[in-house]
Amino acid sequence: MKRKNISKFNFLILLIILMICSLIRYRIICYKSKEITYVVERYLTTGIFNTNKLYGINNFHLSFSDGKVAVVKVNGLQKKSPHKKINYNIFLEKNSKGIWKVKKLYQVP
């Protein structure tokens, strides 16, 4: 009986620690998402199911920005083989909290 209570207590502590770590990670990502370069790099280089994934960004050019909407041209190596150079136009929008979100991604021929 006592052993069962200890394991429940350990599980509860582990769950609380996991929730705190997840909250801290979320807050850090939201804070960094106020920077447009971070959002573009994170969107194009991370994600398990990301079909537009790049190894890295070679060239980053801000084509248009009015403070709320931005268009960014990106050049990099494609993650899928054969690793060819690929260009993207990325349309981003800033929400009321100042966080940039990717709205559309177009491959430039």
PDB file of N, CA and C in Angstrom:
ATOM      1  N   MET A   1       0.817  -1.191   0.000  1.00  0.00           N
ATOM      2  CA  MET A   1       0.000   0.000   0.000  1.00  0.00           C
ATOM      3  C   MET A   1       0.862   1.257   0.000  1.00  0.00           C
ATOM      4  N   LYS A   2       1.897   1.240   0.850  1.00  0.00           N
ATOM      5  CA  LYS A   2       2.770   2.406   0.954  1.00  0.00           C
ATOM      6  C   LYS A   2       3.553   2.607  -0.344  1.00  0.00           C
ATOM      7  N   ARG A   3       3.968   1.509  -0.952  1.00  0.00           N
ATOM      8  CA  ARG A   3       4.722   1.573  -2.206  1.00  0.00           C
ATOM      9  C   ARG A   3       3.863   2.181  -3.323  1.00  0.00           C
ATOM     10  N   LYS A   4       2.587   1.875  -3.317  1.00  0.00           N
ATOM     11  CA  LYS A   4       1.666   2.406  -4.318  1.00  0.00           C
ATOM     12  C   LYS A   4       1.538   3.923  -4.182  1.00  0.00           C
ATOM     13  N   ASN A   5       1.488   4.426  -2.970  1.00  0.00           N
ATOM     14  CA  ASN A   5       1.395   5.866  -2.732  1.00  0.00           C
ATOM     15  C   ASN A   5       2.664   6.588  -3.172  1.00  0.00           C
ATOM     16  N   ILE A   6       3.814   5.956  -2.947  1.00  0.00           N
ATOM     17  CA  ILE A   6       5.092   6.559  -3.351  1.00  0.00           C
ATOM     18  C   ILE A   6       5.168   6.644  -4.875  1.00  0.00           C
ATOM     19  N   SER A   7       4.729   5.595  -5.572  1.00  0.00           N
ATOM     20  CA  SER A   7       4.785   5.628  -7.038  1.00  0.00           C
ATOM     21  C   SER A   7       3.804   6.667  -7.601  1.00  0.00           C
ATOM     22  N   LYS A   8       2.646   6.839  -6.982  1.00  0.00           N
ATOM     23  CA  LYS A   8       1.707   7.882  -7.412  1.00  0.00           C
ATOM     24  C   LYS A   8       2.304   9.265  -7.192  1.00  0.00           C
ATOM     25  N   PHE A   9       2.968   9.430  -6.066  1.00  0.00           N
ATOM     26  CA  PHE A   9       3.611  10.709  -5.760  1.00  0.00           C
ATOM     27  C   PHE A   9       4.715  11.007  -6.770  1.00  0.00           C
ATOM     28  N   ASN A  10       5.540  10.007  -7.082  1.00  0.00           N
ATOM     29  CA  ASN A  10       6.617  10.188  -8.068  1.00  0.00           C
ATOM     30  C   ASN A  10       6.050  10.517  -9.445  1.00  0.00           C
ATOM     31  N   PHE A  11       4.968   9.855  -9.823  1.00  0.00           N
ATOM     32  CA  PHE A  11       4.327  10.131 -11.105  1.00  0.00           C
ATOM     33  C   PHE A  11       3.792  11.559 -11.148  1.00  0.00           C
ATOM     34  N   LEU A  12       3.194  11.998 -10.066  1.00  0.00           N
ATOM     35  CA  LEU A  12       2.656  13.355  -9.987  1.00  0.00           C
ATOM     36  C   LEU A  12       3.769  14.397 -10.091  1.00  0.00           C
ATOM     37  N   ILE A  13       4.870  14.177  -9.398  1.00  0.00           N
ATOM     38  CA  ILE A  13       6.024  15.087  -9.463  1.00  0.00           C
ATOM     39  C   ILE A  13       6.582  15.127 -10.885  1.00  0.00           C
ATOM     40  N   LEU A  14       6.726  13.963 -11.506  1.00  0.00           N
ATOM     41  CA  LEU A  14       7.234  13.891 -12.879  1.00  0.00           C
ATOM     42  C   LEU A  14       6.302  14.626 -13.846  1.00  0.00           C
ATOM     43  N   LEU A  15       5.008  14.466 -13.670  1.00  0.00           N
ATOM     44  CA  LEU A  15       4.029  15.141 -14.514  1.00  0.00           C
ATOM     45  C   LEU A  15       4.100  16.658 -14.351  1.00  0.00           C
ATOM     46  N   ILE A  16       4.245  17.129 -13.131  1.00  0.00           N
ATOM     47  CA  ILE A  16       4.355  18.569 -12.874  1.00  0.00           C
ATOM     48  C   ILE A  16       5.622  19.134 -13.500  1.00  0.00           C
ATOM     49  N   ILE A  17       6.736  18.433 -13.364  1.00  0.00           N
ATOM     50  CA  ILE A  17       8.004  18.883 -13.959  1.00  0.00           C
ATOM     51  C   ILE A  17       7.887  18.934 -15.479  1.00  0.00           C
ATOM     52  N   LEU A  18       7.265  17.925 -16.068  1.00  0.00           N
ATOM     53  CA  LEU A  18       7.077  17.891 -17.519  1.00  0.00           C
ATOM     54  C   LEU A  18       6.203  19.052 -17.994  1.00  0.00           C
ATOM     55  N   MET A  19       5.152  19.357 -17.263  1.00  0.00           N
ATOM     56  CA  MET A  19       4.273  20.476 -17.628  1.00  0.00           C
ATOM     57  C   MET A  19       4.997  21.813 -17.515  1.00  0.00           C
ATOM     58  N   ILE A  20       5.804  21.985 -16.489  1.00  0.00           N
ATOM     59  CA  ILE A  20       6.562  23.229 -16.317  1.00  0.00           C
ATOM     60  C   ILE A  20       7.574  23.393 -17.446  1.00  0.00           C
ATOM     61  N   CYS A  21       8.274  22.304 -17.797  1.00  0.00           N
ATOM     62  CA  CYS A  21       9.252  22.369 -18.894  1.00  0.00           C
ATOM     63  C   CYS A  21       8.565  22.693 -20.222  1.00  0.00           C
ATOM     64  N   SER A  22       7.406  22.102 -20.465  1.00  0.00           N
ATOM     65  CA  SER A  22       6.662  22.385 -21.698  1.00  0.00           C
ATOM     66  C   SER A  22       6.216  23.840 -21.754  1.00  0.00           C
ATOM     67  N   LEU A  23       5.763  24.365 -20.635  1.00  0.00           N
ATOM     68  CA  LEU A  23       5.338  25.762 -20.574  1.00  0.00           C
ATOM     69  C   LEU A  23       6.513  26.707 -20.826  1.00  0.00           C
ATOM     70  N   ILE A  24       7.664  26.413 -20.235  1.00  0.00           N
ATOM     71  CA  ILE A  24       8.858  27.244 -20.439  1.00  0.00           C
ATOM     72  C   ILE A  24       9.277  27.207 -21.909  1.00  0.00           C
ATOM     73  N   ARG A  25       9.271  26.023 -22.530  1.00  0.00           N
ATOM     74  CA  ARG A  25       9.647  25.891 -23.941  1.00  0.00           C
ATOM     75  C   ARG A  25       8.690  26.688 -24.830  1.00  0.00           C
ATOM     76  N   TYR A  26       7.397  26.601 -24.549  1.00  0.00           N
ATOM     77  CA  TYR A  26       6.395  27.342 -25.317  1.00  0.00           C
ATOM     78  C   TYR A  26       6.615  28.843 -25.198  1.00  0.00           C
ATOM     79  N   ARG A  27       6.888  29.323 -24.004  1.00  0.00           N
ATOM     80  CA  ARG A  27       7.110  30.758 -23.780  1.00  0.00           C
ATOM     81  C   ARG A  27       8.363  31.241 -24.518  1.00  0.00           C
ATOM     82  N   ILE A  28       9.419  30.437 -24.518  1.00  0.00           N
ATOM     83  CA  ILE A  28      10.655  30.806 -25.215  1.00  0.00           C
ATOM     84  C   ILE A  28      10.403  30.900 -26.719  1.00  0.00           C
ATOM     85  N   ILE A  29       9.691  29.928 -27.279  1.00  0.00           N
ATOM     86  CA  ILE A  29       9.399  29.944 -28.715  1.00  0.00           C
ATOM     87  C   ILE A  29       8.526  31.145 -29.073  1.00  0.00           C
ATOM     88  N   CYS A  30       7.532  31.456 -28.242  1.00  0.00           N
ATOM     89  CA  CYS A  30       6.681  32.633 -28.504  1.00  0.00           C
ATOM     90  C   CYS A  30       7.498  33.917 -28.442  1.00  0.00           C
ATOM     91  N   TYR A  31       8.417  33.999 -27.495  1.00  0.00           N
ATOM     92  CA  TYR A  31       9.254  35.194 -27.370  1.00  0.00           C
ATOM     93  C   TYR A  31      10.161  35.348 -28.590  1.00  0.00           C
ATOM     94  N   LYS A  32      10.767  34.232 -29.031  1.00  0.00           N
ATOM     95  CA  LYS A  32      11.662  34.289 -30.186  1.00  0.00           C
ATOM     96  C   LYS A  32      10.904  34.512 -31.495  1.00  0.00           C
ATOM     97  N   SER A  33       9.615  34.174 -31.532  1.00  0.00           N
ATOM     98  CA  SER A  33       8.821  34.310 -32.754  1.00  0.00           C
ATOM     99  C   SER A  33       8.499  35.758 -33.092  1.00  0.00           C
ATOM    100  N   LYS A  34       8.923  36.678 -32.269  1.00  0.00           N
ATOM    101  CA  LYS A  34       8.760  38.096 -32.596  1.00  0.00           C
ATOM    102  C   LYS A  34       9.821  38.540 -33.597  1.00  0.00           C
ATOM    103  N   GLU A  35      10.824  37.701 -33.818  1.00  0.00           N
ATOM    104  CA  GLU A  35      11.902  37.949 -34.775  1.00  0.00           C
ATOM    105  C   GLU A  35      11.575  37.186 -36.061  1.00  0.00           C
ATOM    106  N   ILE A  36      11.492  37.896 -37.175  1.00  0.00           N
ATOM    107  CA  ILE A  36      11.054  37.287 -38.436  1.00  0.00           C
ATOM    108  C   ILE A  36      12.052  36.236 -38.942  1.00  0.00           C
ATOM    109  N   THR A  37      13.337  36.454 -38.741  1.00  0.00           N
ATOM    110  CA  THR A  37      14.332  35.486 -39.215  1.00  0.00           C
ATOM    111  C   THR A  37      14.216  34.165 -38.466  1.00  0.00           C
ATOM    112  N   TYR A  38      13.921  34.225 -37.177  1.00  0.00           N
ATOM    113  CA  TYR A  38      13.755  33.005 -36.380  1.00  0.00           C
ATOM    114  C   TYR A  38      12.560  32.199 -36.886  1.00  0.00           C
ATOM    115  N   VAL A  39      11.459  32.874 -37.192  1.00  0.00           N
ATOM    116  CA  VAL A  39      10.246  32.188 -37.646  1.00  0.00           C
ATOM    117  C   VAL A  39      10.495  31.485 -38.974  1.00  0.00           C
ATOM    118  N   VAL A  40      11.134  32.173 -39.906  1.00  0.00           N
ATOM    119  CA  VAL A  40      11.400  31.587 -41.222  1.00  0.00           C
ATOM    120  C   VAL A  40      12.346  30.396 -41.089  1.00  0.00           C
ATOM    121  N   GLU A  41      13.418  30.550 -40.319  1.00  0.00           N
ATOM    122  CA  GLU A  41      14.377  29.455 -40.156  1.00  0.00           C
ATOM    123  C   GLU A  41      13.735  28.260 -39.458  1.00  0.00           C
ATOM    124  N   ARG A  42      12.959  28.497 -38.434  1.00  0.00           N
ATOM    125  CA  ARG A  42      12.298  27.410 -37.706  1.00  0.00           C
ATOM    126  C   ARG A  42      11.289  26.691 -38.606  1.00  0.00           C
ATOM    127  N   TYR A  43      10.533  27.453 -39.381  1.00  0.00           N
ATOM    128  CA  TYR A  43       9.517  26.859 -40.249  1.00  0.00           C
ATOM    129  C   TYR A  43      10.142  25.983 -41.334  1.00  0.00           C
ATOM    130  N   LEU A  44      11.271  26.408 -41.878  1.00  0.00           N
ATOM    131  CA  LEU A  44      11.866  25.684 -43.005  1.00  0.00           C
ATOM    132  C   LEU A  44      12.868  24.601 -42.604  1.00  0.00           C
ATOM    133  N   THR A  45      13.355  24.588 -41.381  1.00  0.00           N
ATOM    134  CA  THR A  45      14.388  23.613 -41.015  1.00  0.00           C
ATOM    135  C   THR A  45      13.945  22.607 -39.958  1.00  0.00           C
ATOM    136  N   THR A  46      12.739  22.725 -39.423  1.00  0.00           N
ATOM    137  CA  THR A  46      12.283  21.784 -38.393  1.00  0.00           C
ATOM    138  C   THR A  46      10.976  21.132 -38.811  1.00  0.00           C
ATOM    139  N   GLY A  47      10.583  20.127 -38.079  1.00  0.00           N
ATOM    140  CA  GLY A  47       9.309  19.452 -38.309  1.00  0.00           C
ATOM    141  C   GLY A  47       9.493  18.078 -38.913  1.00  0.00           C
ATOM    142  N   ILE A  48       8.777  17.125 -38.381  1.00  0.00           N
ATOM    143  CA  ILE A  48       8.865  15.746 -38.862  1.00  0.00           C
ATOM    144  C   ILE A  48       8.151  15.592 -40.204  1.00  0.00           C
ATOM    145  N   PHE A  49       6.983  16.197 -40.335  1.00  0.00           N
ATOM    146  CA  PHE A  49       6.162  16.035 -41.534  1.00  0.00           C
ATOM    147  C   PHE A  49       6.272  17.217 -42.489  1.00  0.00           C
ATOM    148  N   ASN A  50       7.297  18.034 -42.353  1.00  0.00           N
ATOM    149  CA  ASN A  50       7.486  19.211 -43.195  1.00  0.00           C
ATOM    150  C   ASN A  50       7.990  18.778 -44.571  1.00  0.00           C
ATOM    151  N   THR A  51       7.175  18.984 -45.603  1.00  0.00           N
ATOM    152  CA  THR A  51       7.567  18.587 -46.963  1.00  0.00           C
ATOM    153  C   THR A  51       8.495  19.612 -47.612  1.00  0.00           C
ATOM    154  N   ASN A  52       8.580  20.815 -47.060  1.00  0.00           N
ATOM    155  CA  ASN A  52       9.425  21.878 -47.609  1.00  0.00           C
ATOM    156  C   ASN A  52      10.695  22.062 -46.787  1.00  0.00           C
ATOM    157  N   LYS A  53      11.138  21.035 -46.116  1.00  0.00           N
ATOM    158  CA  LYS A  53      12.259  21.126 -45.186  1.00  0.00           C
ATOM    159  C   LYS A  53      13.583  21.362 -45.913  1.00  0.00           C
ATOM    160  N   LEU A  54      14.383  22.249 -45.342  1.00  0.00           N
ATOM    161  CA  LEU A  54      15.708  22.563 -45.868  1.00  0.00           C
ATOM    162  C   LEU A  54      16.769  22.156 -44.851  1.00  0.00           C
ATOM    163  N   TYR A  55      17.991  21.871 -45.346  1.00  0.00           N
ATOM    164  CA  TYR A  55      19.120  21.640 -44.441  1.00  0.00           C
ATOM    165  C   TYR A  55      19.471  22.917 -43.700  1.00  0.00           C
ATOM    166  N   GLY A  56      19.500  23.989 -44.442  1.00  0.00           N
ATOM    167  CA  GLY A  56      19.825  25.289 -43.872  1.00  0.00           C
ATOM    168  C   GLY A  56      19.492  26.371 -44.876  1.00  0.00           C
ATOM    169  N   ILE A  57      19.452  27.584 -44.394  1.00  0.00           N
ATOM    170  CA  ILE A  57      19.132  28.717 -45.255  1.00  0.00           C
ATOM    171  C   ILE A  57      20.431  29.365 -45.711  1.00  0.00           C
ATOM    172  N   ASN A  58      20.642  29.408 -47.034  1.00  0.00           N
ATOM    173  CA  ASN A  58      21.846  30.030 -47.583  1.00  0.00           C
ATOM    174  C   ASN A  58      21.672  31.532 -47.762  1.00  0.00           C
ATOM    175  N   ASN A  59      20.498  31.938 -48.232  1.00  0.00           N
ATOM    176  CA  ASN A  59      20.247  33.340 -48.529  1.00  0.00           C
ATOM    177  C   ASN A  59      18.862  33.714 -48.021  1.00  0.00           C
ATOM    178  N   PHE A  60      18.781  34.871 -47.385  1.00  0.00           N
ATOM    179  CA  PHE A  60      17.536  35.356 -46.793  1.00  0.00           C
ATOM    180  C   PHE A  60      17.375  36.807 -47.210  1.00  0.00           C
ATOM    181  N   HIS A  61      16.272  37.122 -47.918  1.00  0.00           N
ATOM    182  CA  HIS A  61      16.070  38.487 -48.399  1.00  0.00           C
ATOM    183  C   HIS A  61      14.637  38.924 -48.112  1.00  0.00           C
ATOM    184  N   LEU A  62      14.489  40.014 -47.377  1.00  0.00           N
ATOM    185  CA  LEU A  62      13.177  40.575 -47.078  1.00  0.00           C
ATOM    186  C   LEU A  62      12.745  41.430 -48.266  1.00  0.00           C
ATOM    187  N   SER A  63      11.755  40.952 -49.027  1.00  0.00           N
ATOM    188  CA  SER A  63      11.298  41.658 -50.225  1.00  0.00           C
ATOM    189  C   SER A  63      10.353  42.797 -49.900  1.00  0.00           C
ATOM    190  N   PHE A  64       9.430  42.546 -48.978  1.00  0.00           N
ATOM    191  CA  PHE A  64       8.410  43.543 -48.657  1.00  0.00           C
ATOM    192  C   PHE A  64       8.003  43.394 -47.198  1.00  0.00           C
ATOM    193  N   SER A  65       7.789  44.528 -46.543  1.00  0.00           N
ATOM    194  CA  SER A  65       7.256  44.512 -45.183  1.00  0.00           C
ATOM    195  C   SER A  65       6.609  45.856 -44.886  1.00  0.00           C
ATOM    196  N   ASP A  66       5.398  45.797 -44.347  1.00  0.00           N
ATOM    197  CA  ASP A  66       4.739  47.021 -43.910  1.00  0.00           C
ATOM    198  C   ASP A  66       4.486  47.002 -42.400  1.00  0.00           C
ATOM    199  N   GLY A  67       5.106  46.092 -41.703  1.00  0.00           N
ATOM    200  CA  GLY A  67       4.954  45.995 -40.256  1.00  0.00           C
ATOM    201  C   GLY A  67       3.960  44.930 -39.834  1.00  0.00           C
ATOM    202  N   LYS A  68       2.978  44.644 -40.686  1.00  0.00           N
ATOM    203  CA  LYS A  68       1.968  43.618 -40.380  1.00  0.00           C
ATOM    204  C   LYS A  68       2.095  42.406 -41.303  1.00  0.00           C
ATOM    205  N   VAL A  69       2.497  42.660 -42.544  1.00  0.00           N
ATOM    206  CA  VAL A  69       2.651  41.609 -43.548  1.00  0.00           C
ATOM    207  C   VAL A  69       4.060  41.700 -44.101  1.00  0.00           C
ATOM    208  N   ALA A  70       4.673  40.543 -44.363  1.00  0.00           N
ATOM    209  CA  ALA A  70       6.029  40.529 -44.912  1.00  0.00           C
ATOM    210  C   ALA A  70       6.153  39.422 -45.953  1.00  0.00           C
ATOM    211  N   VAL A  71       7.006  39.661 -46.934  1.00  0.00           N
ATOM    212  CA  VAL A  71       7.345  38.668 -47.947  1.00  0.00           C
ATOM    213  C   VAL A  71       8.848  38.470 -47.887  1.00  0.00           C
ATOM    214  N   VAL A  72       9.261  37.216 -47.740  1.00  0.00           N
ATOM    215  CA  VAL A  72      10.677  36.885 -47.603  1.00  0.00           C
ATOM    216  C   VAL A  72      11.053  35.893 -48.694  1.00  0.00           C
ATOM    217  N   LYS A  73      12.179  36.155 -49.362  1.00  0.00           N
ATOM    218  CA  LYS A  73      12.725  35.216 -50.339  1.00  0.00           C
ATOM    219  C   LYS A  73      13.844  34.435 -49.665  1.00  0.00           C
ATOM    220  N   VAL A  74      13.785  33.106 -49.769  1.00  0.00           N
ATOM    221  CA  VAL A  74      14.744  32.230 -49.096  1.00  0.00           C
ATOM    222  C   VAL A  74      15.335  31.269 -50.115  1.00  0.00           C
ATOM    223  N   ASN A  75      16.636  31.011 -49.983  1.00  0.00           N
ATOM    224  CA  ASN A  75      17.351  30.075 -50.831  1.00  0.00           C
ATOM    225  C   ASN A  75      18.078  29.098 -49.916  1.00  0.00           C
ATOM    226  N   GLY A  76      18.002  27.799 -50.230  1.00  0.00           N
ATOM    227  CA  GLY A  76      18.699  26.811 -49.416  1.00  0.00           C
ATOM    228  C   GLY A  76      18.747  25.461 -50.096  1.00  0.00           C
ATOM    229  N   LEU A  77      19.405  24.498 -49.427  1.00  0.00           N
ATOM    230  CA  LEU A  77      19.501  23.135 -49.933  1.00  0.00           C
ATOM    231  C   LEU A  77      18.331  22.314 -49.419  1.00  0.00           C
ATOM    232  N   GLN A  78      17.695  21.591 -50.336  1.00  0.00           N
ATOM    233  CA  GLN A  78      16.557  20.763 -49.989  1.00  0.00           C
ATOM    234  C   GLN A  78      17.001  19.576 -49.137  1.00  0.00           C
ATOM    235  N   LYS A  79      16.189  19.173 -48.181  1.00  0.00           N
ATOM    236  CA  LYS A  79      16.514  18.063 -47.285  1.00  0.00           C
ATOM    237  C   LYS A  79      16.438  16.721 -48.014  1.00  0.00           C
ATOM    238  N   LYS A  80      15.464  16.573 -48.933  1.00  0.00           N
ATOM    239  CA  LYS A  80      15.315  15.317 -49.675  1.00  0.00           C
ATOM    240  C   LYS A  80      16.449  15.169 -50.684  1.00  0.00           C
ATOM    241  N   SER A  81      16.843  13.927 -50.945  1.00  0.00           N
ATOM    242  CA  SER A  81      17.863  13.767 -51.965  1.00  0.00           C
ATOM    243  C   SER A  81      17.197  13.650 -53.330  1.00  0.00           C
ATOM    244  N   PRO A  82      17.800  14.114 -54.384  1.00  0.00           N
ATOM    245  CA  PRO A  82      19.099  14.787 -54.436  1.00  0.00           C
ATOM    246  C   PRO A  82      18.976  16.201 -53.878  1.00  0.00           C
ATOM    247  N   HIS A  83      19.937  16.606 -53.118  1.00  0.00           N
ATOM    248  CA  HIS A  83      19.890  17.879 -52.391  1.00  0.00           C
ATOM    249  C   HIS A  83      20.158  19.045 -53.338  1.00  0.00           C
ATOM    250  N   LYS A  84      19.111  19.470 -54.025  1.00  0.00           N
ATOM    251  CA  LYS A  84      19.280  20.574 -54.961  1.00  0.00           C
ATOM    252  C   LYS A  84      18.924  21.896 -54.294  1.00  0.00           C
ATOM    253  N   LYS A  85      19.444  22.979 -54.882  1.00  0.00           N
ATOM    254  CA  LYS A  85      19.119  24.311 -54.372  1.00  0.00           C
ATOM    255  C   LYS A  85      17.678  24.630 -54.721  1.00  0.00           C
ATOM    256  N   ILE A  86      17.001  25.262 -53.787  1.00  0.00           N
ATOM    257  CA  ILE A  86      15.590  25.564 -53.974  1.00  0.00           C
ATOM    258  C   ILE A  86      15.297  26.960 -53.439  1.00  0.00           C
ATOM    259  N   ASN A  87      14.376  27.662 -54.091  1.00  0.00           N
ATOM    260  CA  ASN A  87      13.984  29.016 -53.688  1.00  0.00           C
ATOM    261  C   ASN A  87      12.529  29.015 -53.243  1.00  0.00           C
ATOM    262  N   TYR A  88      12.258  29.775 -52.195  1.00  0.00           N
ATOM    263  CA  TYR A  88      10.893  29.918 -51.687  1.00  0.00           C
ATOM    264  C   TYR A  88      10.561  31.384 -51.483  1.00  0.00           C
ATOM    265  N   ASN A  89       9.295  31.734 -51.715  1.00  0.00           N
ATOM    266  CA  ASN A  89       8.719  33.005 -51.281  1.00  0.00           C
ATOM    267  C   ASN A  89       7.818  32.676 -50.102  1.00  0.00           C
ATOM    268  N   ILE A  90       8.031  33.343 -48.989  1.00  0.00           N
ATOM    269  CA  ILE A  90       7.260  33.076 -47.782  1.00  0.00           C
ATOM    270  C   ILE A  90       6.480  34.330 -47.413  1.00  0.00           C
ATOM    271  N   PHE A  91       5.181  34.171 -47.225  1.00  0.00           N
ATOM    272  CA  PHE A  91       4.316  35.265 -46.803  1.00  0.00           C
ATOM    273  C   PHE A  91       4.023  35.098 -45.319  1.00  0.00           C
ATOM    274  N   LEU A  92       4.369  36.126 -44.540  1.00  0.00           N
ATOM    275  CA  LEU A  92       4.171  36.090 -43.091  1.00  0.00           C
ATOM    276  C   LEU A  92       3.232  37.202 -42.665  1.00  0.00           C
ATOM    277  N   GLU A  93       2.552  36.958 -41.556  1.00  0.00           N
ATOM    278  CA  GLU A  93       1.640  37.949 -41.002  1.00  0.00           C
ATOM    279  C   GLU A  93       1.903  38.064 -39.502  1.00  0.00           C
ATOM    280  N   LYS A  94       1.870  39.298 -39.007  1.00  0.00           N
ATOM    281  CA  LYS A  94       2.105  39.549 -37.581  1.00  0.00           C
ATOM    282  C   LYS A  94       0.761  39.665 -36.872  1.00  0.00           C
ATOM    283  N   ASN A  95       0.601  38.932 -35.751  1.00  0.00           N
ATOM    284  CA  ASN A  95      -0.666  39.016 -35.016  1.00  0.00           C
ATOM    285  C   ASN A  95      -0.630  40.159 -34.005  1.00  0.00           C
ATOM    286  N   SER A  96      -1.676  40.293 -33.219  1.00  0.00           N
ATOM    287  CA  SER A  96      -1.796  41.420 -32.284  1.00  0.00           C
ATOM    288  C   SER A  96      -0.755  41.379 -31.168  1.00  0.00           C
ATOM    289  N   LYS A  97      -0.194  40.201 -30.889  1.00  0.00           N
ATOM    290  CA  LYS A  97       0.833  40.076 -29.849  1.00  0.00           C
ATOM    291  C   LYS A  97       2.235  40.330 -30.391  1.00  0.00           C
ATOM    292  N   GLY A  98       2.348  40.580 -31.693  1.00  0.00           N
ATOM    293  CA  GLY A  98       3.645  40.852 -32.304  1.00  0.00           C
ATOM    294  C   GLY A  98       4.388  39.606 -32.736  1.00  0.00           C
ATOM    295  N   ILE A  99       3.692  38.487 -32.832  1.00  0.00           N
ATOM    296  CA  ILE A  99       4.310  37.216 -33.210  1.00  0.00           C
ATOM    297  C   ILE A  99       4.050  36.964 -34.694  1.00  0.00           C
ATOM    298  N   TRP A 100       5.125  36.643 -35.432  1.00  0.00           N
ATOM    299  CA  TRP A 100       5.018  36.372 -36.860  1.00  0.00           C
ATOM    300  C   TRP A 100       4.534  34.945 -37.079  1.00  0.00           C
ATOM    301  N   LYS A 101       3.606  34.777 -38.036  1.00  0.00           N
ATOM    302  CA  LYS A 101       3.089  33.465 -38.423  1.00  0.00           C
ATOM    303  C   LYS A 101       3.224  33.316 -39.931  1.00  0.00           C
ATOM    304  N   VAL A 102       3.638  32.137 -40.385  1.00  0.00           N
ATOM    305  CA  VAL A 102       3.745  31.861 -41.816  1.00  0.00           C
ATOM    306  C   VAL A 102       2.346  31.572 -42.351  1.00  0.00           C
ATOM    307  N   LYS A 103       1.938  32.328 -43.365  1.00  0.00           N
ATOM    308  CA  LYS A 103       0.619  32.148 -43.976  1.00  0.00           C
ATOM    309  C   LYS A 103       0.691  31.298 -45.241  1.00  0.00           C
ATOM    310  N   LYS A 104       1.645  31.579 -46.098  1.00  0.00           N
ATOM    311  CA  LYS A 104       1.779  30.841 -47.359  1.00  0.00           C
ATOM    312  C   LYS A 104       3.244  30.652 -47.684  1.00  0.00           C
ATOM    313  N   LEU A 105       3.527  29.578 -48.395  1.00  0.00           N
ATOM    314  CA  LEU A 105       4.875  29.280 -48.846  1.00  0.00           C
ATOM    315  C   LEU A 105       4.783  28.855 -50.303  1.00  0.00           C
ATOM    316  N   TYR A 106       5.502  29.558 -51.167  1.00  0.00           N
ATOM    317  CA  TYR A 106       5.499  29.253 -52.593  1.00  0.00           C
ATOM    318  C   TYR A 106       6.907  28.914 -53.041  1.00  0.00           C
ATOM    319  N   GLN A 107       7.007  27.845 -53.832  1.00  0.00           N
ATOM    320  CA  GLN A 107       8.295  27.508 -54.425  1.00  0.00           C
ATOM    321  C   GLN A 107       8.466  28.339 -55.687  1.00  0.00           C
ATOM    322  N   VAL A 108       9.621  28.998 -55.791  1.00  0.00           N
ATOM    323  CA  VAL A 108       9.932  29.817 -56.959  1.00  0.00           C
ATOM    324  C   VAL A 108      10.664  28.932 -57.958  1.00  0.00           C
ATOM    325  N   PRO A 109      10.167  28.875 -59.204  1.00  0.00           N
ATOM    326  CA  PRO A 109      10.839  28.016 -60.204  1.00  0.00           C
ATOM    327  C   PRO A 109      12.197  28.532 -60.601  1.00  0.00           C
TER     328      PRO A 109
END
